[in-house]
Amino acid sequence: TTTELTGQQMFIATLVSLFSGFFV
């Protein structure tokens, strides 16, 4: 929602990336 990246946003995005890659 802002231009500044937070640790929570980074964690959620990385978690979704890994689980999506694992599913594929």
mmCIF file of all heavy atoms, coordinates in Angstrom:
data_MODEL
# 
_entry.id   MODEL 
# 
loop_
_atom_site.group_PDB 
_atom_site.id 
_atom_site.type_symbol 
_atom_site.label_atom_id 
_atom_site.label_alt_id 
_atom_site.label_comp_id 
_atom_site.label_asym_id 
_atom_site.label_entity_id 
_atom_site.label_seq_id 
_atom_site.pdbx_PDB_ins_code 
_atom_site.Cartn_x 
_atom_site.Cartn_y 
_atom_site.Cartn_z 
_atom_site.occupancy 
_atom_site.B_iso_or_equiv 
_atom_site.pdbx_formal_charge 
_atom_site.auth_seq_id 
_atom_site.auth_comp_id 
_atom_site.auth_asym_id 
_atom_site.auth_atom_id 
_atom_site.pdbx_PDB_model_num 
ATOM 1   N N   . THR A 1 1  ? 0.821  -1.219  0.000   1.00 0.00 ? 1  THR A N   1 
ATOM 2   C CA  . THR A 1 1  ? 0.000  0.000   0.000   1.00 0.00 ? 1  THR A CA  1 
ATOM 3   C C   . THR A 1 1  ? 0.850  1.262   0.000   1.00 0.00 ? 1  THR A C   1 
ATOM 4   O O   . THR A 1 1  ? 0.366  2.339   -0.306  1.00 0.00 ? 1  THR A O   1 
ATOM 5   C CB  . THR A 1 1  ? -0.924 0.003   1.229   1.00 0.00 ? 1  THR A CB  1 
ATOM 6   O OG1 . THR A 1 1  ? -0.129 -0.149  2.412   1.00 0.00 ? 1  THR A OG1 1 
ATOM 7   C CG2 . THR A 1 1  ? -1.932 -1.140  1.136   1.00 0.00 ? 1  THR A CG2 1 
ATOM 8   N N   . THR A 1 2  ? 2.125  1.120   0.339   1.00 0.00 ? 2  THR A N   1 
ATOM 9   C CA  . THR A 1 2  ? 3.040  2.263   0.344   1.00 0.00 ? 2  THR A CA  1 
ATOM 10  C C   . THR A 1 2  ? 4.307  1.895   -0.402  1.00 0.00 ? 2  THR A C   1 
ATOM 11  O O   . THR A 1 2  ? 4.544  0.721   -0.722  1.00 0.00 ? 2  THR A O   1 
ATOM 12  C CB  . THR A 1 2  ? 3.391  2.687   1.783   1.00 0.00 ? 2  THR A CB  1 
ATOM 13  O OG1 . THR A 1 2  ? 4.088  1.619   2.431   1.00 0.00 ? 2  THR A OG1 1 
ATOM 14  C CG2 . THR A 1 2  ? 2.120  3.022   2.569   1.00 0.00 ? 2  THR A CG2 1 
ATOM 15  N N   . THR A 1 3  ? 5.127  2.867   -0.676  1.00 0.00 ? 3  THR A N   1 
ATOM 16  C CA  . THR A 1 3  ? 6.390  2.610   -1.377  1.00 0.00 ? 3  THR A CA  1 
ATOM 17  C C   . THR A 1 3  ? 7.431  1.976   -0.468  1.00 0.00 ? 3  THR A C   1 
ATOM 18  O O   . THR A 1 3  ? 8.419  1.418   -0.944  1.00 0.00 ? 3  THR A O   1 
ATOM 19  C CB  . THR A 1 3  ? 6.968  3.925   -1.941  1.00 0.00 ? 3  THR A CB  1 
ATOM 20  O OG1 . THR A 1 3  ? 7.118  4.869   -0.865  1.00 0.00 ? 3  THR A OG1 1 
ATOM 21  C CG2 . THR A 1 3  ? 6.043  4.499   -3.001  1.00 0.00 ? 3  THR A CG2 1 
ATOM 22  N N   . GLU A 1 4  ? 7.222  2.034   0.838   1.00 0.00 ? 4  GLU A N   1 
ATOM 23  C CA  . GLU A 1 4  ? 8.173  1.463   1.789   1.00 0.00 ? 4  GLU A CA  1 
ATOM 24  C C   . GLU A 1 4  ? 7.818  0.010   2.072   1.00 0.00 ? 4  GLU A C   1 
ATOM 25  O O   . GLU A 1 4  ? 6.681  -0.321  2.419   1.00 0.00 ? 4  GLU A O   1 
ATOM 26  C CB  . GLU A 1 4  ? 8.158  2.267   3.089   1.00 0.00 ? 4  GLU A CB  1 
ATOM 27  C CG  . GLU A 1 4  ? 9.219  1.804   4.093   1.00 0.00 ? 4  GLU A CG  1 
ATOM 28  C CD  . GLU A 1 4  ? 9.233  2.656   5.355   1.00 0.00 ? 4  GLU A CD  1 
ATOM 29  O OE1 . GLU A 1 4  ? 8.574  3.704   5.367   1.00 0.00 ? 4  GLU A OE1 1 
ATOM 30  O OE2 . GLU A 1 4  ? 9.903  2.249   6.315   1.00 0.00 ? 4  GLU A OE2 1 
ATOM 31  N N   . LEU A 1 5  ? 8.801  -0.854  1.919   1.00 0.00 ? 5  LEU A N   1 
ATOM 32  C CA  . LEU A 1 5  ? 8.600  -2.288  2.118   1.00 0.00 ? 5  LEU A CA  1 
ATOM 33  C C   . LEU A 1 5  ? 8.777  -2.639  3.586   1.00 0.00 ? 5  LEU A C   1 
ATOM 34  O O   . LEU A 1 5  ? 9.757  -2.264  4.216   1.00 0.00 ? 5  LEU A O   1 
ATOM 35  C CB  . LEU A 1 5  ? 9.609  -3.082  1.273   1.00 0.00 ? 5  LEU A CB  1 
ATOM 36  C CG  . LEU A 1 5  ? 9.549  -4.603  1.350   1.00 0.00 ? 5  LEU A CG  1 
ATOM 37  C CD1 . LEU A 1 5  ? 8.240  -5.124  0.781   1.00 0.00 ? 5  LEU A CD1 1 
ATOM 38  C CD2 . LEU A 1 5  ? 10.731 -5.212  0.584   1.00 0.00 ? 5  LEU A CD2 1 
ATOM 39  N N   . THR A 1 6  ? 7.813  -3.403  4.143   1.00 0.00 ? 6  THR A N   1 
ATOM 40  C CA  . THR A 1 6  ? 7.891  -3.827  5.538   1.00 0.00 ? 6  THR A CA  1 
ATOM 41  C C   . THR A 1 6  ? 8.306  -5.295  5.626   1.00 0.00 ? 6  THR A C   1 
ATOM 42  O O   . THR A 1 6  ? 8.183  -6.050  4.648   1.00 0.00 ? 6  THR A O   1 
ATOM 43  C CB  . THR A 1 6  ? 6.543  -3.644  6.248   1.00 0.00 ? 6  THR A CB  1 
ATOM 44  O OG1 . THR A 1 6  ? 5.573  -4.535  5.659   1.00 0.00 ? 6  THR A OG1 1 
ATOM 45  C CG2 . THR A 1 6  ? 6.049  -2.204  6.118   1.00 0.00 ? 6  THR A CG2 1 
ATOM 46  N N   . GLY A 1 7  ? 8.772  -5.690  6.803   1.00 0.00 ? 7  GLY A N   1 
ATOM 47  C CA  . GLY A 1 7  ? 9.175  -7.077  7.008   1.00 0.00 ? 7  GLY A CA  1 
ATOM 48  C C   . GLY A 1 7  ? 8.009  -8.037  6.878   1.00 0.00 ? 7  GLY A C   1 
ATOM 49  O O   . GLY A 1 7  ? 8.165  -9.150  6.363   1.00 0.00 ? 7  GLY A O   1 
ATOM 50  N N   . GLN A 1 8  ? 6.829  -7.649  7.309   1.00 0.00 ? 8  GLN A N   1 
ATOM 51  C CA  . GLN A 1 8  ? 5.647  -8.505  7.212   1.00 0.00 ? 8  GLN A CA  1 
ATOM 52  C C   . GLN A 1 8  ? 5.275  -8.750  5.746   1.00 0.00 ? 8  GLN A C   1 
ATOM 53  O O   . GLN A 1 8  ? 4.954  -9.879  5.354   1.00 0.00 ? 8  GLN A O   1 
ATOM 54  C CB  . GLN A 1 8  ? 4.475  -7.868  7.949   1.00 0.00 ? 8  GLN A CB  1 
ATOM 55  C CG  . GLN A 1 8  ? 3.216  -8.738  7.945   1.00 0.00 ? 8  GLN A CG  1 
ATOM 56  C CD  . GLN A 1 8  ? 2.054  -8.070  8.662   1.00 0.00 ? 8  GLN A CD  1 
ATOM 57  O OE1 . GLN A 1 8  ? 2.134  -6.914  9.041   1.00 0.00 ? 8  GLN A OE1 1 
ATOM 58  N NE2 . GLN A 1 8  ? 0.975  -8.806  8.856   1.00 0.00 ? 8  GLN A NE2 1 
ATOM 59  N N   . GLN A 1 9  ? 5.307  -7.705  4.939   1.00 0.00 ? 9  GLN A N   1 
ATOM 60  C CA  . GLN A 1 9  ? 5.000  -7.850  3.522   1.00 0.00 ? 9  GLN A CA  1 
ATOM 61  C C   . GLN A 1 9  ? 6.013  -8.758  2.837   1.00 0.00 ? 9  GLN A C   1 
ATOM 62  O O   . GLN A 1 9  ? 5.652  -9.602  2.013   1.00 0.00 ? 9  GLN A O   1 
ATOM 63  C CB  . GLN A 1 9  ? 4.981  -6.469  2.854   1.00 0.00 ? 9  GLN A CB  1 
ATOM 64  C CG  . GLN A 1 9  ? 3.841  -5.579  3.293   1.00 0.00 ? 9  GLN A CG  1 
ATOM 65  C CD  . GLN A 1 9  ? 3.987  -4.157  2.797   1.00 0.00 ? 9  GLN A CD  1 
ATOM 66  O OE1 . GLN A 1 9  ? 5.092  -3.722  2.448   1.00 0.00 ? 9  GLN A OE1 1 
ATOM 67  N NE2 . GLN A 1 9  ? 2.887  -3.427  2.747   1.00 0.00 ? 9  GLN A NE2 1 
ATOM 68  N N   . MET A 1 10 ? 7.277  -8.588  3.175   1.00 0.00 ? 10 MET A N   1 
ATOM 69  C CA  . MET A 1 10 ? 8.346  -9.425  2.619   1.00 0.00 ? 10 MET A CA  1 
ATOM 70  C C   . MET A 1 10 ? 8.131  -10.891 2.991   1.00 0.00 ? 10 MET A C   1 
ATOM 71  O O   . MET A 1 10 ? 8.278  -11.793 2.156   1.00 0.00 ? 10 MET A O   1 
ATOM 72  C CB  . MET A 1 10 ? 9.695  -8.937  3.152   1.00 0.00 ? 10 MET A CB  1 
ATOM 73  C CG  . MET A 1 10 ? 10.885 -9.697  2.611   1.00 0.00 ? 10 MET A CG  1 
ATOM 74  S SD  . MET A 1 10 ? 11.295 -9.184  0.935   1.00 0.00 ? 10 MET A SD  1 
ATOM 75  C CE  . MET A 1 10 ? 12.856 -10.043 0.701   1.00 0.00 ? 10 MET A CE  1 
ATOM 76  N N   . PHE A 1 11 ? 7.763  -11.137 4.238   1.00 0.00 ? 11 PHE A N   1 
ATOM 77  C CA  . PHE A 1 11 ? 7.561  -12.510 4.715   1.00 0.00 ? 11 PHE A CA  1 
ATOM 78  C C   . PHE A 1 11 ? 6.384  -13.164 4.001   1.00 0.00 ? 11 PHE A C   1 
ATOM 79  O O   . PHE A 1 11 ? 6.477  -14.300 3.545   1.00 0.00 ? 11 PHE A O   1 
ATOM 80  C CB  . PHE A 1 11 ? 7.323  -12.492 6.227   1.00 0.00 ? 11 PHE A CB  1 
ATOM 81  C CG  . PHE A 1 11 ? 7.010  -13.849 6.799   1.00 0.00 ? 11 PHE A CG  1 
ATOM 82  C CD1 . PHE A 1 11 ? 8.008  -14.789 7.002   1.00 0.00 ? 11 PHE A CD1 1 
ATOM 83  C CD2 . PHE A 1 11 ? 5.698  -14.200 7.111   1.00 0.00 ? 11 PHE A CD2 1 
ATOM 84  C CE1 . PHE A 1 11 ? 7.725  -16.044 7.515   1.00 0.00 ? 11 PHE A CE1 1 
ATOM 85  C CE2 . PHE A 1 11 ? 5.402  -15.442 7.631   1.00 0.00 ? 11 PHE A CE2 1 
ATOM 86  C CZ  . PHE A 1 11 ? 6.414  -16.375 7.831   1.00 0.00 ? 11 PHE A CZ  1 
ATOM 87  N N   . ILE A 1 12 ? 5.266  -12.429 3.878   1.00 0.00 ? 12 ILE A N   1 
ATOM 88  C CA  . ILE A 1 12 ? 4.070  -12.985 3.232   1.00 0.00 ? 12 ILE A CA  1 
ATOM 89  C C   . ILE A 1 12 ? 4.359  -13.297 1.761   1.00 0.00 ? 12 ILE A C   1 
ATOM 90  O O   . ILE A 1 12 ? 4.025  -14.379 1.265   1.00 0.00 ? 12 ILE A O   1 
ATOM 91  C CB  . ILE A 1 12 ? 2.885  -12.002 3.351   1.00 0.00 ? 12 ILE A CB  1 
ATOM 92  C CG1 . ILE A 1 12 ? 2.452  -11.864 4.808   1.00 0.00 ? 12 ILE A CG1 1 
ATOM 93  C CG2 . ILE A 1 12 ? 1.708  -12.470 2.500   1.00 0.00 ? 12 ILE A CG2 1 
ATOM 94  C CD1 . ILE A 1 12 ? 1.404  -10.801 5.051   1.00 0.00 ? 12 ILE A CD1 1 
ATOM 95  N N   . ALA A 1 13 ? 4.999  -12.357 1.069   1.00 0.00 ? 13 ALA A N   1 
ATOM 96  C CA  . ALA A 1 13 ? 5.290  -12.553 -0.355  1.00 0.00 ? 13 ALA A CA  1 
ATOM 97  C C   . ALA A 1 13 ? 6.234  -13.737 -0.576  1.00 0.00 ? 13 ALA A C   1 
ATOM 98  O O   . ALA A 1 13 ? 6.025  -14.551 -1.481  1.00 0.00 ? 13 ALA A O   1 
ATOM 99  C CB  . ALA A 1 13 ? 5.894  -11.278 -0.940  1.00 0.00 ? 13 ALA A CB  1 
ATOM 100 N N   . THR A 1 14 ? 7.254  -13.844 0.263   1.00 0.00 ? 14 THR A N   1 
ATOM 101 C CA  . THR A 1 14 ? 8.212  -14.956 0.127   1.00 0.00 ? 14 THR A CA  1 
ATOM 102 C C   . THR A 1 14 ? 7.553  -16.289 0.427   1.00 0.00 ? 14 THR A C   1 
ATOM 103 O O   . THR A 1 14 ? 7.801  -17.288 -0.260  1.00 0.00 ? 14 THR A O   1 
ATOM 104 C CB  . THR A 1 14 ? 9.407  -14.744 1.073   1.00 0.00 ? 14 THR A CB  1 
ATOM 105 O OG1 . THR A 1 14 ? 10.000 -13.467 0.818   1.00 0.00 ? 14 THR A OG1 1 
ATOM 106 C CG2 . THR A 1 14 ? 10.452 -15.828 0.872   1.00 0.00 ? 14 THR A CG2 1 
ATOM 107 N N   . LEU A 1 15 ? 6.692  -16.319 1.444   1.00 0.00 ? 15 LEU A N   1 
ATOM 108 C CA  . LEU A 1 15 ? 5.987  -17.553 1.805   1.00 0.00 ? 15 LEU A CA  1 
ATOM 109 C C   . LEU A 1 15 ? 5.091  -18.008 0.664   1.00 0.00 ? 15 LEU A C   1 
ATOM 110 O O   . LEU A 1 15 ? 5.086  -19.199 0.295   1.00 0.00 ? 15 LEU A O   1 
ATOM 111 C CB  . LEU A 1 15 ? 5.159  -17.330 3.071   1.00 0.00 ? 15 LEU A CB  1 
ATOM 112 C CG  . LEU A 1 15 ? 4.725  -18.581 3.850   1.00 0.00 ? 15 LEU A CG  1 
ATOM 113 C CD1 . LEU A 1 15 ? 5.938  -19.344 4.360   1.00 0.00 ? 15 LEU A CD1 1 
ATOM 114 C CD2 . LEU A 1 15 ? 3.801  -18.187 4.996   1.00 0.00 ? 15 LEU A CD2 1 
ATOM 115 N N   . VAL A 1 16 ? 4.359  -17.074 0.077   1.00 0.00 ? 16 VAL A N   1 
ATOM 116 C CA  . VAL A 1 16 ? 3.484  -17.421 -1.048  1.00 0.00 ? 16 VAL A CA  1 
ATOM 117 C C   . VAL A 1 16 ? 4.311  -17.877 -2.247  1.00 0.00 ? 16 VAL A C   1 
ATOM 118 O O   . VAL A 1 16 ? 3.939  -18.826 -2.946  1.00 0.00 ? 16 VAL A O   1 
ATOM 119 C CB  . VAL A 1 16 ? 2.588  -16.220 -1.423  1.00 0.00 ? 16 VAL A CB  1 
ATOM 120 C CG1 . VAL A 1 16 ? 1.832  -16.490 -2.720  1.00 0.00 ? 16 VAL A CG1 1 
ATOM 121 C CG2 . VAL A 1 16 ? 1.615  -15.910 -0.301  1.00 0.00 ? 16 VAL A CG2 1 
ATOM 122 N N   . SER A 1 17 ? 5.440  -17.240 -2.500  1.00 0.00 ? 17 SER A N   1 
ATOM 123 C CA  . SER A 1 17 ? 6.319  -17.635 -3.612  1.00 0.00 ? 17 SER A CA  1 
ATOM 124 C C   . SER A 1 17 ? 6.800  -19.069 -3.458  1.00 0.00 ? 17 SER A C   1 
ATOM 125 O O   . SER A 1 17 ? 6.761  -19.861 -4.408  1.00 0.00 ? 17 SER A O   1 
ATOM 126 C CB  . SER A 1 17 ? 7.517  -16.689 -3.699  1.00 0.00 ? 17 SER A CB  1 
ATOM 127 O OG  . SER A 1 17 ? 7.126  -15.381 -4.013  1.00 0.00 ? 17 SER A OG  1 
ATOM 128 N N   . LEU A 1 18 ? 7.261  -19.402 -2.256  1.00 0.00 ? 18 LEU A N   1 
ATOM 129 C CA  . LEU A 1 18 ? 7.789  -20.749 -2.012  1.00 0.00 ? 18 LEU A CA  1 
ATOM 130 C C   . LEU A 1 18 ? 6.703  -21.808 -2.114  1.00 0.00 ? 18 LEU A C   1 
ATOM 131 O O   . LEU A 1 18 ? 6.901  -22.871 -2.720  1.00 0.00 ? 18 LEU A O   1 
ATOM 132 C CB  . LEU A 1 18 ? 8.469  -20.805 -0.644  1.00 0.00 ? 18 LEU A CB  1 
ATOM 133 C CG  . LEU A 1 18 ? 9.788  -20.011 -0.523  1.00 0.00 ? 18 LEU A CG  1 
ATOM 134 C CD1 . LEU A 1 18 ? 10.274 -20.000 0.920   1.00 0.00 ? 18 LEU A CD1 1 
ATOM 135 C CD2 . LEU A 1 18 ? 10.849 -20.613 -1.436  1.00 0.00 ? 18 LEU A CD2 1 
ATOM 136 N N   . PHE A 1 19 ? 5.539  -21.536 -1.533  1.00 0.00 ? 19 PHE A N   1 
ATOM 137 C CA  . PHE A 1 19 ? 4.452  -22.511 -1.586  1.00 0.00 ? 19 PHE A CA  1 
ATOM 138 C C   . PHE A 1 19 ? 3.913  -22.654 -3.013  1.00 0.00 ? 19 PHE A C   1 
ATOM 139 O O   . PHE A 1 19 ? 3.576  -23.771 -3.434  1.00 0.00 ? 19 PHE A O   1 
ATOM 140 C CB  . PHE A 1 19 ? 3.326  -22.102 -0.633  1.00 0.00 ? 19 PHE A CB  1 
ATOM 141 C CG  . PHE A 1 19 ? 3.510  -22.622 0.763   1.00 0.00 ? 19 PHE A CG  1 
ATOM 142 C CD1 . PHE A 1 19 ? 3.920  -21.784 1.777   1.00 0.00 ? 19 PHE A CD1 1 
ATOM 143 C CD2 . PHE A 1 19 ? 3.295  -23.961 1.068   1.00 0.00 ? 19 PHE A CD2 1 
ATOM 144 C CE1 . PHE A 1 19 ? 4.117  -22.261 3.067   1.00 0.00 ? 19 PHE A CE1 1 
ATOM 145 C CE2 . PHE A 1 19 ? 3.479  -24.445 2.356   1.00 0.00 ? 19 PHE A CE2 1 
ATOM 146 C CZ  . PHE A 1 19 ? 3.893  -23.601 3.360   1.00 0.00 ? 19 PHE A CZ  1 
ATOM 147 N N   . SER A 1 20 ? 3.849  -21.553 -3.745  1.00 0.00 ? 20 SER A N   1 
ATOM 148 C CA  . SER A 1 20 ? 3.398  -21.629 -5.137  1.00 0.00 ? 20 SER A CA  1 
ATOM 149 C C   . SER A 1 20 ? 4.392  -22.410 -5.987  1.00 0.00 ? 20 SER A C   1 
ATOM 150 O O   . SER A 1 20 ? 4.004  -23.243 -6.810  1.00 0.00 ? 20 SER A O   1 
ATOM 151 C CB  . SER A 1 20 ? 3.214  -20.219 -5.705  1.00 0.00 ? 20 SER A CB  1 
ATOM 152 O OG  . SER A 1 20 ? 2.228  -19.506 -5.000  1.00 0.00 ? 20 SER A OG  1 
ATOM 153 N N   . GLY A 1 21 ? 5.692  -22.154 -5.783  1.00 0.00 ? 21 GLY A N   1 
ATOM 154 C CA  . GLY A 1 21 ? 6.716  -22.902 -6.505  1.00 0.00 ? 21 GLY A CA  1 
ATOM 155 C C   . GLY A 1 21 ? 6.678  -24.383 -6.170  1.00 0.00 ? 21 GLY A C   1 
ATOM 156 O O   . GLY A 1 21 ? 6.829  -25.235 -7.045  1.00 0.00 ? 21 GLY A O   1 
ATOM 157 N N   . PHE A 1 22 ? 6.451  -24.683 -4.882  1.00 0.00 ? 22 PHE A N   1 
ATOM 158 C CA  . PHE A 1 22 ? 6.348  -26.085 -4.463  1.00 0.00 ? 22 PHE A CA  1 
ATOM 159 C C   . PHE A 1 22 ? 5.147  -26.763 -5.111  1.00 0.00 ? 22 PHE A C   1 
ATOM 160 O O   . PHE A 1 22 ? 5.234  -27.915 -5.558  1.00 0.00 ? 22 PHE A O   1 
ATOM 161 C CB  . PHE A 1 22 ? 6.228  -26.160 -2.939  1.00 0.00 ? 22 PHE A CB  1 
ATOM 162 C CG  . PHE A 1 22 ? 6.057  -27.557 -2.408  1.00 0.00 ? 22 PHE A CG  1 
ATOM 163 C CD1 . PHE A 1 22 ? 7.132  -28.419 -2.296  1.00 0.00 ? 22 PHE A CD1 1 
ATOM 164 C CD2 . PHE A 1 22 ? 4.804  -28.021 -2.044  1.00 0.00 ? 22 PHE A CD2 1 
ATOM 165 C CE1 . PHE A 1 22 ? 6.978  -29.712 -1.821  1.00 0.00 ? 22 PHE A CE1 1 
ATOM 166 C CE2 . PHE A 1 22 ? 4.629  -29.313 -1.563  1.00 0.00 ? 22 PHE A CE2 1 
ATOM 167 C CZ  . PHE A 1 22 ? 5.726  -30.164 -1.448  1.00 0.00 ? 22 PHE A CZ  1 
ATOM 168 N N   . PHE A 1 23 ? 4.027  -26.046 -5.201  1.00 0.00 ? 23 PHE A N   1 
ATOM 169 C CA  . PHE A 1 23 ? 2.821  -26.606 -5.831  1.00 0.00 ? 23 PHE A CA  1 
ATOM 170 C C   . PHE A 1 23 ? 3.056  -26.888 -7.307  1.00 0.00 ? 23 PHE A C   1 
ATOM 171 O O   . PHE A 1 23 ? 2.699  -27.960 -7.821  1.00 0.00 ? 23 PHE A O   1 
ATOM 172 C CB  . PHE A 1 23 ? 1.647  -25.638 -5.651  1.00 0.00 ? 23 PHE A CB  1 
ATOM 173 C CG  . PHE A 1 23 ? 0.364  -26.121 -6.265  1.00 0.00 ? 23 PHE A CG  1 
ATOM 174 C CD1 . PHE A 1 23 ? -0.407 -27.084 -5.642  1.00 0.00 ? 23 PHE A CD1 1 
ATOM 175 C CD2 . PHE A 1 23 ? -0.060 -25.609 -7.486  1.00 0.00 ? 23 PHE A CD2 1 
ATOM 176 C CE1 . PHE A 1 23 ? -1.588 -27.536 -6.216  1.00 0.00 ? 23 PHE A CE1 1 
ATOM 177 C CE2 . PHE A 1 23 ? -1.237 -26.052 -8.065  1.00 0.00 ? 23 PHE A CE2 1 
ATOM 178 C CZ  . PHE A 1 23 ? -2.008 -27.016 -7.429  1.00 0.00 ? 23 PHE A CZ  1 
ATOM 179 N N   . VAL A 1 24 ? 3.677  -25.934 -8.016  1.00 0.00 ? 24 VAL A N   1 
ATOM 180 C CA  . VAL A 1 24 ? 3.973  -26.134 -9.439  1.00 0.00 ? 24 VAL A CA  1 
ATOM 181 C C   . VAL A 1 24 ? 4.908  -27.332 -9.627  1.00 0.00 ? 24 VAL A C   1 
ATOM 182 O O   . VAL A 1 24 ? 4.693  -28.170 -10.510 1.00 0.00 ? 24 VAL A O   1 
ATOM 183 C CB  . VAL A 1 24 ? 4.597  -24.859 -10.040 1.00 0.00 ? 24 VAL A CB  1 
ATOM 184 C CG1 . VAL A 1 24 ? 5.087  -25.121 -11.471 1.00 0.00 ? 24 VAL A CG1 1 
ATOM 185 C CG2 . VAL A 1 24 ? 3.599  -23.716 -10.034 1.00 0.00 ? 24 VAL A CG2 1 
# 
